[in-house]
C-alpha atoms as a PDB file:
ATOM      1  CA  MET A   1     -63.787 -51.446 -56.096  1.00  0.00           C
ATOM      2  CA  PHE A   2     -60.565 -51.430 -58.645  1.00  0.00           C
ATOM      3  CA  ALA A   3     -57.971 -53.842 -59.204  1.00  0.00           C
ATOM      4  CA  ILE A   4     -54.483 -53.276 -59.518  1.00  0.00           C
ATOM      5  CA  ARG A   5     -52.625 -55.035 -62.600  1.00  0.00           C
ATOM      6  CA  SER A   6     -49.076 -55.481 -63.188  1.00  0.00           C
ATOM      7  CA  LEU A   7     -48.744 -53.498 -66.361  1.00  0.00           C
ATOM      8  CA  GLU A   8     -46.639 -56.024 -68.163  1.00  0.00           C
ATOM      9  CA  THR A   9     -48.232 -59.539 -66.978  1.00  0.00           C
ATOM     10  CA  GLY A  10     -51.939 -57.924 -66.577  1.00  0.00           C
ATOM     11  CA  ILE A  11     -51.420 -60.302 -63.266  1.00  0.00           C
ATOM     12  CA  SER A  12     -53.546 -58.615 -60.112  1.00  0.00           C
ATOM     13  CA  LEU A  13     -51.398 -57.302 -57.495  1.00  0.00           C
ATOM     14  CA  SER A  14     -53.065 -59.167 -54.213  1.00  0.00           C
ATOM     15  CA  PRO A  15     -51.534 -60.979 -51.776  1.00  0.00           C
ATOM     16  CA  PHE A  16     -54.945 -63.288 -52.115  1.00  0.00           C
ATOM     17  CA  ARG A  17     -54.048 -63.777 -55.603  1.00  0.00           C
ATOM     18  CA  LYS A  18     -52.937 -67.187 -55.511  1.00  0.00           C
ATOM     19  CA  THR A  19     -55.058 -68.445 -52.182  1.00  0.00           C
ATOM     20  CA  SER A  20     -58.408 -67.043 -53.321  1.00  0.00           C
ATOM     21  CA  LYS A  21     -60.599 -68.064 -56.388  1.00  0.00           C
ATOM     22  CA  ARG A  22     -62.971 -64.623 -55.376  1.00  0.00           C
ATOM     23  CA  LEU A  23     -62.586 -62.202 -57.780  1.00  0.00           C
ATOM     24  CA  GLU A  24     -63.877 -59.509 -55.412  1.00  0.00           C
ATOM     25  CA  ASP A  25     -60.351 -60.431 -53.289  1.00  0.00           C
ATOM     26  CA  GLN A  26     -58.892 -59.405 -56.166  1.00  0.00           C
ATOM     27  CA  ASN A  27     -59.769 -55.850 -55.718  1.00  0.00           C
ATOM     28  CA  TRP A  28     -59.410 -52.806 -53.528  1.00  0.00           C
ATOM     29  CA  PHE A  29     -60.927 -49.857 -51.624  1.00  0.00           C
ATOM     30  CA  LEU A  30     -59.267 -46.954 -51.580  1.00  0.00           C
ATOM     31  CA  LYS A  31     -59.232 -44.459 -48.789  1.00  0.00           C
ATOM     32  CA  GLU A  32     -57.853 -41.118 -48.553  1.00  0.00           C
ATOM     33  CA  ILE A  33     -55.760 -40.513 -45.042  1.00  0.00           C
ATOM     34  CA  VAL A  34     -55.723 -36.809 -43.544  1.00  0.00           C
ATOM     35  CA  THR A  35     -52.476 -35.535 -43.675  1.00  0.00           C
ATOM     36  CA  ASN A  36     -51.056 -34.644 -40.150  1.00  0.00           C
ATOM     37  CA  ASP A  37     -47.592 -33.537 -38.894  1.00  0.00           C
ATOM     38  CA  GLU A  38     -46.293 -37.194 -38.452  1.00  0.00           C
ATOM     39  CA  LEU A  39     -46.923 -38.120 -41.696  1.00  0.00           C
ATOM     40  CA  LYS A  40     -45.453 -35.445 -43.677  1.00  0.00           C
ATOM     41  CA  ALA A  41     -42.111 -35.842 -41.056  1.00  0.00           C
ATOM     42  CA  ARG A  42     -41.586 -39.494 -42.525  1.00  0.00           C
ATOM     43  CA  ASP A  43     -42.153 -38.502 -46.226  1.00  0.00           C
ATOM     44  CA  MET A  44     -38.752 -37.303 -47.163  1.00  0.00           C
ATOM     45  CA  HIS A  45     -40.904 -35.762 -50.809  1.00  0.00           C
ATOM     46  CA  ALA A  46     -43.629 -33.390 -48.621  1.00  0.00           C
ATOM     47  CA  LYS A  47     -42.008 -30.208 -49.196  1.00  0.00           C
ATOM     48  CA  ASP A  48     -41.082 -30.711 -52.740  1.00  0.00           C
ATOM     49  CA  LEU A  49     -44.048 -32.952 -54.099  1.00  0.00           C
ATOM     50  CA  PRO A  50     -47.438 -32.266 -53.756  1.00  0.00           C
ATOM     51  CA  PHE A  51     -48.456 -36.005 -52.449  1.00  0.00           C
ATOM     52  CA  GLY A  52     -51.199 -37.209 -50.509  1.00  0.00           C
ATOM     53  CA  TYR A  53     -51.824 -40.935 -48.888  1.00  0.00           C
ATOM     54  CA  VAL A  54     -54.117 -43.458 -49.294  1.00  0.00           C
ATOM     55  CA  GLN A  55     -54.428 -46.677 -48.147  1.00  0.00           C
ATOM     56  CA  PHE A  56     -55.362 -49.667 -50.566  1.00  0.00           C
ATOM     57  CA  ILE A  57     -58.646 -51.958 -48.170  1.00  0.00           C
ATOM     58  CA  SER A  58     -59.487 -55.006 -48.818  1.00  0.00           C
ATOM     59  CA  PRO A  59     -63.411 -56.044 -49.757  1.00  0.00           C
ATOM     60  CA  ARG A  60     -62.618 -58.551 -46.809  1.00  0.00           C
ATOM     61  CA  GLY A  61     -63.075 -56.582 -44.220  1.00  0.00           C
ATOM     62  CA  ASP A  62     -61.986 -52.301 -43.618  1.00  0.00           C
ATOM     63  CA  ASP A  63     -59.629 -52.956 -41.511  1.00  0.00           C
ATOM     64  CA  ILE A  64     -57.431 -55.175 -44.090  1.00  0.00           C
ATOM     65  CA  CYS A  65     -54.919 -52.931 -46.182  1.00  0.00           C
ATOM     66  CA  LEU A  66     -52.773 -53.638 -48.599  1.00  0.00           C
ATOM     67  CA  ALA A  67     -48.821 -53.633 -47.009  1.00  0.00           C
ATOM     68  CA  VAL A  68     -45.250 -53.622 -48.049  1.00  0.00           C
ATOM     69  CA  LEU A  69     -44.100 -56.134 -45.825  1.00  0.00           C
ATOM     70  CA  SER A  70     -40.616 -56.269 -43.989  1.00  0.00           C
ATOM     71  CA  GLU A  71     -38.986 -58.433 -46.701  1.00  0.00           C
ATOM     72  CA  LYS A  72     -40.130 -56.126 -49.655  1.00  0.00           C
ATOM     73  CA  SER A  73     -43.255 -58.003 -50.570  1.00  0.00           C
ATOM     74  CA  PHE A  74     -47.042 -57.891 -50.442  1.00  0.00           C
ATOM     75  CA  GLY A  75     -49.268 -59.005 -47.688  1.00  0.00           C
ATOM     76  CA  THR A  76     -51.579 -57.631 -45.757  1.00  0.00           C
ATOM     77  CA  LYS A  77     -51.808 -55.875 -42.143  1.00  0.00           C
ATOM     78  CA  SER A  78     -54.247 -54.082 -39.691  1.00  0.00           C
ATOM     79  CA  CYS A  79     -55.067 -50.555 -41.490  1.00  0.00           C
ATOM     80  CA  LYS A  80     -55.886 -48.941 -37.999  1.00  0.00           C
ATOM     81  CA  GLN A  81     -52.501 -51.035 -35.880  1.00  0.00           C
ATOM     82  CA  ASP A  82     -50.561 -49.636 -39.300  1.00  0.00           C
ATOM     83  CA  LEU A  83     -51.126 -46.063 -37.799  1.00  0.00           C
ATOM     84  CA  GLN A  84     -51.191 -46.490 -34.708  1.00  0.00           C
ATOM     85  CA  ASP A  85     -47.373 -48.131 -34.513  1.00  0.00           C
ATOM     86  CA  GLY A  86     -46.694 -46.073 -37.059  1.00  0.00           C
ATOM     87  CA  THR A  87     -44.496 -48.364 -39.490  1.00  0.00           C
ATOM     88  CA  MET A  88     -46.763 -47.185 -42.323  1.00  0.00           C
ATOM     89  CA  GLN A  89     -46.257 -50.542 -44.897  1.00  0.00           C
ATOM     90  CA  THR A  90     -50.066 -49.764 -45.022  1.00  0.00           C
ATOM     91  CA  ILE A  91     -49.482 -45.914 -46.497  1.00  0.00           C
ATOM     92  CA  PHE A  92     -48.872 -45.096 -49.903  1.00  0.00           C
ATOM     93  CA  LEU A  93     -48.134 -41.911 -52.158  1.00  0.00           C
ATOM     94  CA  SER A  94     -51.346 -39.950 -54.592  1.00  0.00           C
ATOM     95  CA  TYR A  95     -50.783 -37.053 -56.426  1.00  0.00           C
ATOM     96  CA  GLN A  96     -52.853 -34.456 -56.130  1.00  0.00           C
END
């Protein structure tokens, strides 16, 4: 379990920061996503850089993922639904 924090302010980057006093709600588990052709096709850097793919999963439940929402803000979304509908809002790059 780990936290994602701003280097400048130290503030936790969590959509639950203002709604929960529980410290564990500010943290995440990391889940590696197995690379497949669909992910590589959507990744414009896949041929040039050796990135892998991960999801940040909330301790609140194994299907609650950190997401970059349409309005360019952090929120949460179903991890499984995001992979199924292909919006990829919960997929982040990780250097391998």
